[in-house]
C-alpha atoms as a PDB file:
ATOM      1  CA  UNK A   1       7.193 -21.149  35.661  1.00  0.00           C
ATOM      2  CA  UNK A   2       4.457 -20.243  33.086  1.00  0.00           C
ATOM      3  CA  UNK A   3       5.674 -19.490  29.648  1.00  0.00           C
ATOM      4  CA  UNK A   4       4.895 -16.156  27.734  1.00  0.00           C
ATOM      5  CA  UNK A   5       3.437 -15.771  24.200  1.00  0.00           C
ATOM      6  CA  UNK A   6       3.192 -12.560  22.144  1.00  0.00           C
ATOM      7  CA  UNK A   7       0.470 -12.520  19.436  1.00  0.00           C
ATOM      8  CA  UNK A   8      -0.192  -9.832  16.869  1.00  0.00           C
ATOM      9  CA  UNK A   9      -3.543  -9.420  15.162  1.00  0.00           C
ATOM     10  CA  UNK A  10      -4.953 -10.897  18.480  1.00  0.00           C
ATOM     11  CA  UNK A  11      -8.357  -9.352  18.617  1.00  0.00           C
ATOM     12  CA  UNK A  12     -10.090 -11.678  16.215  1.00  0.00           C
ATOM     13  CA  UNK A  13      -9.800 -14.519  13.748  1.00  0.00           C
ATOM     14  CA  UNK A  14      -6.635 -16.520  13.641  1.00  0.00           C
ATOM     15  CA  UNK A  15      -4.906 -14.324  16.196  1.00  0.00           C
ATOM     16  CA  UNK A  16      -7.600 -14.706  18.733  1.00  0.00           C
ATOM     17  CA  UNK A  17      -7.835 -18.460  18.248  1.00  0.00           C
ATOM     18  CA  UNK A  18      -4.090 -18.772  18.744  1.00  0.00           C
ATOM     19  CA  UNK A  19      -4.222 -16.546  21.861  1.00  0.00           C
ATOM     20  CA  UNK A  20      -6.969 -18.781  23.183  1.00  0.00           C
ATOM     21  CA  UNK A  21      -4.891 -21.826  22.487  1.00  0.00           C
ATOM     22  CA  UNK A  22      -2.012 -20.311  24.503  1.00  0.00           C
ATOM     23  CA  UNK A  23      -4.338 -19.338  27.402  1.00  0.00           C
ATOM     24  CA  UNK A  24      -5.701 -22.894  27.600  1.00  0.00           C
ATOM     25  CA  UNK A  25      -2.066 -23.962  27.837  1.00  0.00           C
ATOM     26  CA  UNK A  26      -1.345 -21.648  30.752  1.00  0.00           C
ATOM     27  CA  UNK A  27       0.776 -19.049  28.943  1.00  0.00           C
ATOM     28  CA  UNK A  28       1.069 -15.480  30.057  1.00  0.00           C
ATOM     29  CA  UNK A  29      -0.043 -13.350  27.000  1.00  0.00           C
ATOM     30  CA  UNK A  30       0.936 -10.165  25.347  1.00  0.00           C
ATOM     31  CA  UNK A  31      -1.833  -9.257  22.848  1.00  0.00           C
ATOM     32  CA  UNK A  32      -1.293  -6.745  20.007  1.00  0.00           C
ATOM     33  CA  UNK A  33      -3.922  -5.434  17.584  1.00  0.00           C
ATOM     34  CA  UNK A  34      -5.093  -2.337  15.859  1.00  0.00           C
ATOM     35  CA  UNK A  35      -8.676  -2.310  17.051  1.00  0.00           C
ATOM     36  CA  UNK A  36      -8.589  -1.170  20.796  1.00  0.00           C
ATOM     37  CA  UNK A  37     -12.261  -2.161  21.477  1.00  0.00           C
ATOM     38  CA  UNK A  38     -11.812  -5.628  19.968  1.00  0.00           C
ATOM     39  CA  UNK A  39      -8.627  -6.033  21.853  1.00  0.00           C
ATOM     40  CA  UNK A  40     -10.381  -5.209  25.099  1.00  0.00           C
ATOM     41  CA  UNK A  41     -13.174  -7.702  24.397  1.00  0.00           C
ATOM     42  CA  UNK A  42     -10.562 -10.416  23.463  1.00  0.00           C
ATOM     43  CA  UNK A  43      -8.573  -9.779  26.627  1.00  0.00           C
ATOM     44  CA  UNK A  44     -11.705 -10.194  28.738  1.00  0.00           C
ATOM     45  CA  UNK A  45     -12.702 -13.393  27.017  1.00  0.00           C
ATOM     46  CA  UNK A  46      -9.245 -14.811  27.427  1.00  0.00           C
ATOM     47  CA  UNK A  47      -9.155 -13.909  31.057  1.00  0.00           C
ATOM     48  CA  UNK A  48     -12.311 -15.920  31.571  1.00  0.00           C
ATOM     49  CA  UNK A  49     -10.654 -18.807  29.802  1.00  0.00           C
ATOM     50  CA  UNK A  50      -7.824 -18.881  32.402  1.00  0.00           C
ATOM     51  CA  UNK A  51      -7.886 -16.615  35.537  1.00  0.00           C
ATOM     52  CA  UNK A  52      -4.384 -17.774  36.454  1.00  0.00           C
ATOM     53  CA  UNK A  53      -2.439 -15.981  33.707  1.00  0.00           C
ATOM     54  CA  UNK A  54      -1.533 -12.322  33.146  1.00  0.00           C
ATOM     55  CA  UNK A  55      -2.670 -10.624  29.913  1.00  0.00           C
ATOM     56  CA  UNK A  56      -1.300  -7.362  28.677  1.00  0.00           C
ATOM     57  CA  UNK A  57      -2.722  -5.766  25.674  1.00  0.00           C
ATOM     58  CA  UNK A  58      -1.526  -2.945  23.328  1.00  0.00           C
ATOM     59  CA  UNK A  59      -3.314  -1.204  20.499  1.00  0.00           C
ATOM     60  CA  UNK A  60      -0.807  -0.783  17.729  1.00  0.00           C
ATOM     61  CA  UNK A  61      -1.626   0.032  14.046  1.00  0.00           C
ATOM     62  CA  UNK A  62       1.231  -1.751  12.194  1.00  0.00           C
ATOM     63  CA  UNK A  63       0.584   0.266   8.983  1.00  0.00           C
ATOM     64  CA  UNK A  64       1.854   3.406  10.876  1.00  0.00           C
ATOM     65  CA  UNK A  65       5.498   2.796  10.064  1.00  0.00           C
ATOM     66  CA  UNK A  66       8.063   4.327  12.388  1.00  0.00           C
ATOM     67  CA  UNK A  67       5.418   5.104  15.058  1.00  0.00           C
ATOM     68  CA  UNK A  68       4.398   1.537  15.192  1.00  0.00           C
ATOM     69  CA  UNK A  69       8.018   0.418  15.335  1.00  0.00           C
ATOM     70  CA  UNK A  70       8.737   2.513  18.330  1.00  0.00           C
ATOM     71  CA  UNK A  71       5.625   1.204  20.157  1.00  0.00           C
ATOM     72  CA  UNK A  72       6.719  -2.383  19.389  1.00  0.00           C
ATOM     73  CA  UNK A  73      10.193  -1.570  20.861  1.00  0.00           C
ATOM     74  CA  UNK A  74       8.625  -0.372  23.977  1.00  0.00           C
ATOM     75  CA  UNK A  75       6.333  -3.386  24.268  1.00  0.00           C
ATOM     76  CA  UNK A  76       9.322  -5.744  23.768  1.00  0.00           C
ATOM     77  CA  UNK A  77      11.236  -3.981  26.596  1.00  0.00           C
ATOM     78  CA  UNK A  78       8.329  -4.304  28.926  1.00  0.00           C
ATOM     79  CA  UNK A  79       7.505  -7.827  28.087  1.00  0.00           C
ATOM     80  CA  UNK A  80      10.172  -9.640  30.106  1.00  0.00           C
ATOM     81  CA  UNK A  81      11.104 -13.093  28.879  1.00  0.00           C
ATOM     82  CA  UNK A  82       9.181 -14.298  25.799  1.00  0.00           C
ATOM     83  CA  UNK A  83       8.933 -17.901  24.736  1.00  0.00           C
ATOM     84  CA  UNK A  84       6.779 -17.663  21.555  1.00  0.00           C
ATOM     85  CA  UNK A  85       5.943 -14.925  19.084  1.00  0.00           C
ATOM     86  CA  UNK A  86       3.005 -15.447  16.825  1.00  0.00           C
ATOM     87  CA  UNK A  87       3.462 -12.891  14.049  1.00  0.00           C
ATOM     88  CA  UNK A  88       0.034 -12.847  12.440  1.00  0.00           C
ATOM     89  CA  UNK A  89      -1.290  -9.436  11.779  1.00  0.00           C
ATOM     90  CA  UNK A  90      -2.309  -8.973   8.055  1.00  0.00           C
ATOM     91  CA  UNK A  91      -4.778  -7.627   5.622  1.00  0.00           C
ATOM     92  CA  UNK A  92      -6.015  -8.944   2.224  1.00  0.00           C
ATOM     93  CA  UNK A  93      -7.330  -7.146  -0.900  1.00  0.00           C
ATOM     94  CA  UNK A  94      -8.136  -9.038  -4.041  1.00  0.00           C
ATOM     95  CA  UNK A  95      -6.722  -8.047  -7.332  1.00  0.00           C
ATOM     96  CA  UNK A  96      -3.697  -7.915  -9.626  1.00  0.00           C
ATOM     97  CA  UNK A  97      -4.163  -5.571 -12.577  1.00  0.00           C
ATOM     98  CA  UNK A  98      -7.344  -4.158 -11.081  1.00  0.00           C
ATOM     99  CA  UNK A  99      -5.872  -3.718  -7.551  1.00  0.00           C
ATOM    100  CA  UNK A 100      -5.939  -0.150  -6.426  1.00  0.00           C
ATOM    101  CA  UNK A 101      -2.500   1.366  -5.660  1.00  0.00           C
ATOM    102  CA  UNK A 102      -3.630   2.582  -2.146  1.00  0.00           C
ATOM    103  CA  UNK A 103      -4.798  -0.975  -1.376  1.00  0.00           C
ATOM    104  CA  UNK A 104      -1.582  -2.501  -2.520  1.00  0.00           C
ATOM    105  CA  UNK A 105       0.457   0.037  -0.450  1.00  0.00           C
ATOM    106  CA  UNK A 106      -1.645  -0.637   2.659  1.00  0.00           C
ATOM    107  CA  UNK A 107      -0.941  -4.406   2.310  1.00  0.00           C
ATOM    108  CA  UNK A 108       2.700  -3.768   1.960  1.00  0.00           C
ATOM    109  CA  UNK A 109       2.602  -1.559   5.062  1.00  0.00           C
ATOM    110  CA  UNK A 110       0.906  -4.114   7.166  1.00  0.00           C
ATOM    111  CA  UNK A 111       1.978  -7.519   5.709  1.00  0.00           C
ATOM    112  CA  UNK A 112       5.524  -6.708   4.934  1.00  0.00           C
ATOM    113  CA  UNK A 113       6.751  -3.626   6.967  1.00  0.00           C
ATOM    114  CA  UNK A 114       4.556  -4.425   9.995  1.00  0.00           C
ATOM    115  CA  UNK A 115       5.578  -8.190   9.791  1.00  0.00           C
ATOM    116  CA  UNK A 116       9.254  -7.103   9.517  1.00  0.00           C
ATOM    117  CA  UNK A 117       9.024  -4.831  12.558  1.00  0.00           C
ATOM    118  CA  UNK A 118       7.637  -7.562  14.778  1.00  0.00           C
ATOM    119  CA  UNK A 119       9.978 -10.274  13.493  1.00  0.00           C
ATOM    120  CA  UNK A 120      13.068  -8.005  13.875  1.00  0.00           C
ATOM    121  CA  UNK A 121      12.356  -6.535  17.272  1.00  0.00           C
ATOM    122  CA  UNK A 122      11.299  -9.696  18.888  1.00  0.00           C
ATOM    123  CA  UNK A 123      13.898 -11.682  16.889  1.00  0.00           C
ATOM    124  CA  UNK A 124      16.625  -9.554  18.527  1.00  0.00           C
ATOM    125  CA  UNK A 125      15.012 -10.118  21.951  1.00  0.00           C
ATOM    126  CA  UNK A 126      14.875 -13.970  21.480  1.00  0.00           C
ATOM    127  CA  UNK A 127      18.457 -13.986  20.149  1.00  0.00           C
ATOM    128  CA  UNK A 128      19.560 -12.193  23.357  1.00  0.00           C
ATOM    129  CA  UNK A 129      17.638 -14.677  25.402  1.00  0.00           C
ATOM    130  CA  UNK A 130      19.286 -17.547  23.427  1.00  0.00           C
ATOM    131  CA  UNK A 131      15.886 -19.334  23.208  1.00  0.00           C
ATOM    132  CA  UNK A 132      12.320 -19.043  21.851  1.00  0.00           C
ATOM    133  CA  UNK A 133      10.173 -19.580  18.705  1.00  0.00           C
ATOM    134  CA  UNK A 134       8.878 -17.092  16.130  1.00  0.00           C
ATOM    135  CA  UNK A 135       5.966 -18.369  14.060  1.00  0.00           C
ATOM    136  CA  UNK A 136       5.229 -16.171  11.098  1.00  0.00           C
ATOM    137  CA  UNK A 137       1.817 -16.497   9.368  1.00  0.00           C
ATOM    138  CA  UNK A 138       2.286 -16.480   5.585  1.00  0.00           C
ATOM    139  CA  UNK A 139      -0.060 -18.150   3.176  1.00  0.00           C
ATOM    140  CA  UNK A 140      -0.101 -20.632   0.311  1.00  0.00           C
ATOM    141  CA  UNK A 141      -0.366 -17.411  -1.714  1.00  0.00           C
ATOM    142  CA  UNK A 142       3.257 -16.747  -0.577  1.00  0.00           C
ATOM    143  CA  UNK A 143       4.260 -19.816  -2.620  1.00  0.00           C
ATOM    144  CA  UNK A 144       1.932 -19.793  -5.608  1.00  0.00           C
ATOM    145  CA  UNK A 145       0.077 -16.686  -6.810  1.00  0.00           C
ATOM    146  CA  UNK A 146      -3.386 -17.044  -8.330  1.00  0.00           C
ATOM    147  CA  UNK A 147      -4.958 -14.920 -11.018  1.00  0.00           C
ATOM    148  CA  UNK A 148      -6.670 -12.405  -8.614  1.00  0.00           C
ATOM    149  CA  UNK A 149      -4.227 -12.512  -5.768  1.00  0.00           C
ATOM    150  CA  UNK A 150      -1.148 -10.750  -7.296  1.00  0.00           C
ATOM    151  CA  UNK A 151      -0.888  -7.902  -4.711  1.00  0.00           C
ATOM    152  CA  UNK A 152      -1.529 -10.110  -1.683  1.00  0.00           C
ATOM    153  CA  UNK A 153       0.788 -12.856  -3.109  1.00  0.00           C
ATOM    154  CA  UNK A 154       3.544 -10.305  -3.395  1.00  0.00           C
ATOM    155  CA  UNK A 155       3.281  -9.401   0.210  1.00  0.00           C
ATOM    156  CA  UNK A 156       3.230 -12.997   1.363  1.00  0.00           C
ATOM    157  CA  UNK A 157       6.112 -13.977  -0.860  1.00  0.00           C
ATOM    158  CA  UNK A 158       8.022 -11.342   1.088  1.00  0.00           C
ATOM    159  CA  UNK A 159       7.186 -13.106   4.305  1.00  0.00           C
ATOM    160  CA  UNK A 160       8.503 -16.407   3.127  1.00  0.00           C
ATOM    161  CA  UNK A 161      11.797 -14.795   1.930  1.00  0.00           C
ATOM    162  CA  UNK A 162      12.474 -12.970   5.198  1.00  0.00           C
ATOM    163  CA  UNK A 163      11.384 -16.060   7.191  1.00  0.00           C
ATOM    164  CA  UNK A 164      13.896 -18.206   5.358  1.00  0.00           C
ATOM    165  CA  UNK A 165      16.761 -15.842   6.187  1.00  0.00           C
ATOM    166  CA  UNK A 166      15.655 -15.287   9.689  1.00  0.00           C
ATOM    167  CA  UNK A 167      15.482 -19.049  10.534  1.00  0.00           C
ATOM    168  CA  UNK A 168      19.109 -19.402   9.434  1.00  0.00           C
ATOM    169  CA  UNK A 169      20.236 -16.378  11.353  1.00  0.00           C
ATOM    170  CA  UNK A 170      18.687 -17.393  14.601  1.00  0.00           C
ATOM    171  CA  UNK A 171      19.241 -21.151  14.472  1.00  0.00           C
ATOM    172  CA  UNK A 172      22.722 -20.809  16.231  1.00  0.00           C
ATOM    173  CA  UNK A 173      20.988 -18.985  19.152  1.00  0.00           C
ATOM    174  CA  UNK A 174      18.459 -21.780  19.936  1.00  0.00           C
ATOM    175  CA  UNK A 175      15.618 -19.820  18.328  1.00  0.00           C
ATOM    176  CA  UNK A 176      13.261 -21.620  15.953  1.00  0.00           C
ATOM    177  CA  UNK A 177      11.524 -19.717  13.117  1.00  0.00           C
ATOM    178  CA  UNK A 178       8.692 -21.251  10.968  1.00  0.00           C
ATOM    179  CA  UNK A 179       6.242 -19.738   8.465  1.00  0.00           C
ATOM    180  CA  UNK A 180       2.795 -21.341   8.478  1.00  0.00           C
ATOM    181  CA  UNK A 181       1.369 -21.290   4.961  1.00  0.00           C
ATOM    182  CA  UNK A 182      -2.333 -22.075   5.044  1.00  0.00           C
ATOM    183  CA  UNK A 183      -4.863 -22.057   2.300  1.00  0.00           C
ATOM    184  CA  UNK A 184      -8.113 -20.281   2.633  1.00  0.00           C
ATOM    185  CA  UNK A 185      -9.445 -20.049   6.341  1.00  0.00           C
ATOM    186  CA  UNK A 186     -12.976 -19.192   7.453  1.00  0.00           C
ATOM    187  CA  UNK A 187     -12.419 -15.698   9.053  1.00  0.00           C
ATOM    188  CA  UNK A 188     -13.753 -12.181   8.529  1.00  0.00           C
ATOM    189  CA  UNK A 189     -10.759 -11.634   6.119  1.00  0.00           C
ATOM    190  CA  UNK A 190     -12.050 -14.152   3.657  1.00  0.00           C
ATOM    191  CA  UNK A 191     -15.829 -13.325   3.896  1.00  0.00           C
ATOM    192  CA  UNK A 192     -15.365 -11.033   0.931  1.00  0.00           C
ATOM    193  CA  UNK A 193     -14.403 -13.966  -1.296  1.00  0.00           C
ATOM    194  CA  UNK A 194     -16.929 -16.075  -3.275  1.00  0.00           C
ATOM    195  CA  UNK A 195     -16.122 -19.303  -1.660  1.00  0.00           C
ATOM    196  CA  UNK A 196     -18.345 -21.729   0.334  1.00  0.00           C
ATOM    197  CA  UNK A 197     -17.398 -21.393   3.981  1.00  0.00           C
ATOM    198  CA  UNK A 198     -17.819 -25.107   4.393  1.00  0.00           C
ATOM    199  CA  UNK A 199     -14.902 -25.613   1.991  1.00  0.00           C
ATOM    200  CA  UNK A 200     -12.619 -23.381   4.017  1.00  0.00           C
ATOM    201  CA  UNK A 201     -10.212 -24.399   6.766  1.00  0.00           C
ATOM    202  CA  UNK A 202     -11.005 -23.350  10.262  1.00  0.00           C
ATOM    203  CA  UNK A 203      -8.835 -21.555  12.856  1.00  0.00           C
ATOM    204  CA  UNK A 204      -8.559 -24.898  14.684  1.00  0.00           C
ATOM    205  CA  UNK A 205      -6.230 -26.066  11.746  1.00  0.00           C
ATOM    206  CA  UNK A 206      -3.956 -23.256  12.682  1.00  0.00           C
ATOM    207  CA  UNK A 207      -3.876 -23.932  16.421  1.00  0.00           C
ATOM    208  CA  UNK A 208      -3.230 -27.638  15.634  1.00  0.00           C
ATOM    209  CA  UNK A 209      -0.299 -26.556  13.498  1.00  0.00           C
ATOM    210  CA  UNK A 210       1.095 -24.327  16.361  1.00  0.00           C
ATOM    211  CA  UNK A 211       0.618 -27.269  18.795  1.00  0.00           C
ATOM    212  CA  UNK A 212       2.590 -29.495  16.405  1.00  0.00           C
ATOM    213  CA  UNK A 213       5.471 -27.009  16.044  1.00  0.00           C
ATOM    214  CA  UNK A 214       5.779 -26.378  19.749  1.00  0.00           C
ATOM    215  CA  UNK A 215       5.820 -30.205  20.555  1.00  0.00           C
ATOM    216  CA  UNK A 216       8.485 -30.937  17.810  1.00  0.00           C
ATOM    217  CA  UNK A 217      11.872 -32.050  19.162  1.00  0.00           C
ATOM    218  CA  UNK A 218      14.607 -29.501  19.735  1.00  0.00           C
ATOM    219  CA  UNK A 219      16.526 -30.681  16.591  1.00  0.00           C
ATOM    220  CA  UNK A 220      13.470 -30.466  14.354  1.00  0.00           C
ATOM    221  CA  UNK A 221      13.628 -27.387  12.133  1.00  0.00           C
ATOM    222  CA  UNK A 222      10.445 -26.616  10.128  1.00  0.00           C
ATOM    223  CA  UNK A 223      11.149 -23.637   7.769  1.00  0.00           C
ATOM    224  CA  UNK A 224       7.639 -23.595   6.380  1.00  0.00           C
ATOM    225  CA  UNK A 225       4.514 -25.629   7.143  1.00  0.00           C
ATOM    226  CA  UNK A 226       2.123 -25.873   4.208  1.00  0.00           C
ATOM    227  CA  UNK A 227      -1.583 -26.537   4.903  1.00  0.00           C
ATOM    228  CA  UNK A 228      -3.274 -26.609   1.515  1.00  0.00           C
ATOM    229  CA  UNK A 229      -6.885 -26.452   0.440  1.00  0.00           C
ATOM    230  CA  UNK A 230      -8.068 -27.114  -3.133  1.00  0.00           C
ATOM    231  CA  UNK A 231     -10.333 -24.016  -3.501  1.00  0.00           C
ATOM    232  CA  UNK A 232      -9.658 -20.855  -5.307  1.00  0.00           C
ATOM    233  CA  UNK A 233     -11.145 -17.321  -4.916  1.00  0.00           C
ATOM    234  CA  UNK A 234     -13.301 -16.007  -7.770  1.00  0.00           C
END
């Protein structure tokens, strides 16, 4: 039987690359993203990649709090058995002292509350199944904050903390939990940063990391997977 992967932030960038990886590996897909048009295009491209999988897509704005939470609950109920959840949706705004309050608040809504909603709802589902894998996308900024990344780092430190507790809580139920912590990746999100794209990692680095985690032995527990780059935003 084909396996089933749920991917958030699936319409572009890292989320789309990971969805493409799962499509190429014959997984049925549940795609979640805010941009309904981008989601429709992503679904079409993925269907062309593999005509033999089913793909369901849902437009959900994770910044919408309780409304998004309810939509995610409905999606989880409709999804059937889930093997992997790639909890990826996020936003980035530069700044520490100069960061606008509204921008910081929005990052917390998406990167922390939205992340929490996905992890909790699908974590409960996988716990009931007594199997599965949750891969949370954090950042090296979740382990070391740089001068102009204070707000973003705060949101990603939260991911690391919740991931650590969740891994321990779900381990007895045959559910693995890992936070991938990459450095800067060449996506639309980092286009605003004054860094040479040739020095950034690519989304292939993330799909390789996902592949490594899924192929690890049943007794291999990877709490965080760090993929560093020696470049810094200015």
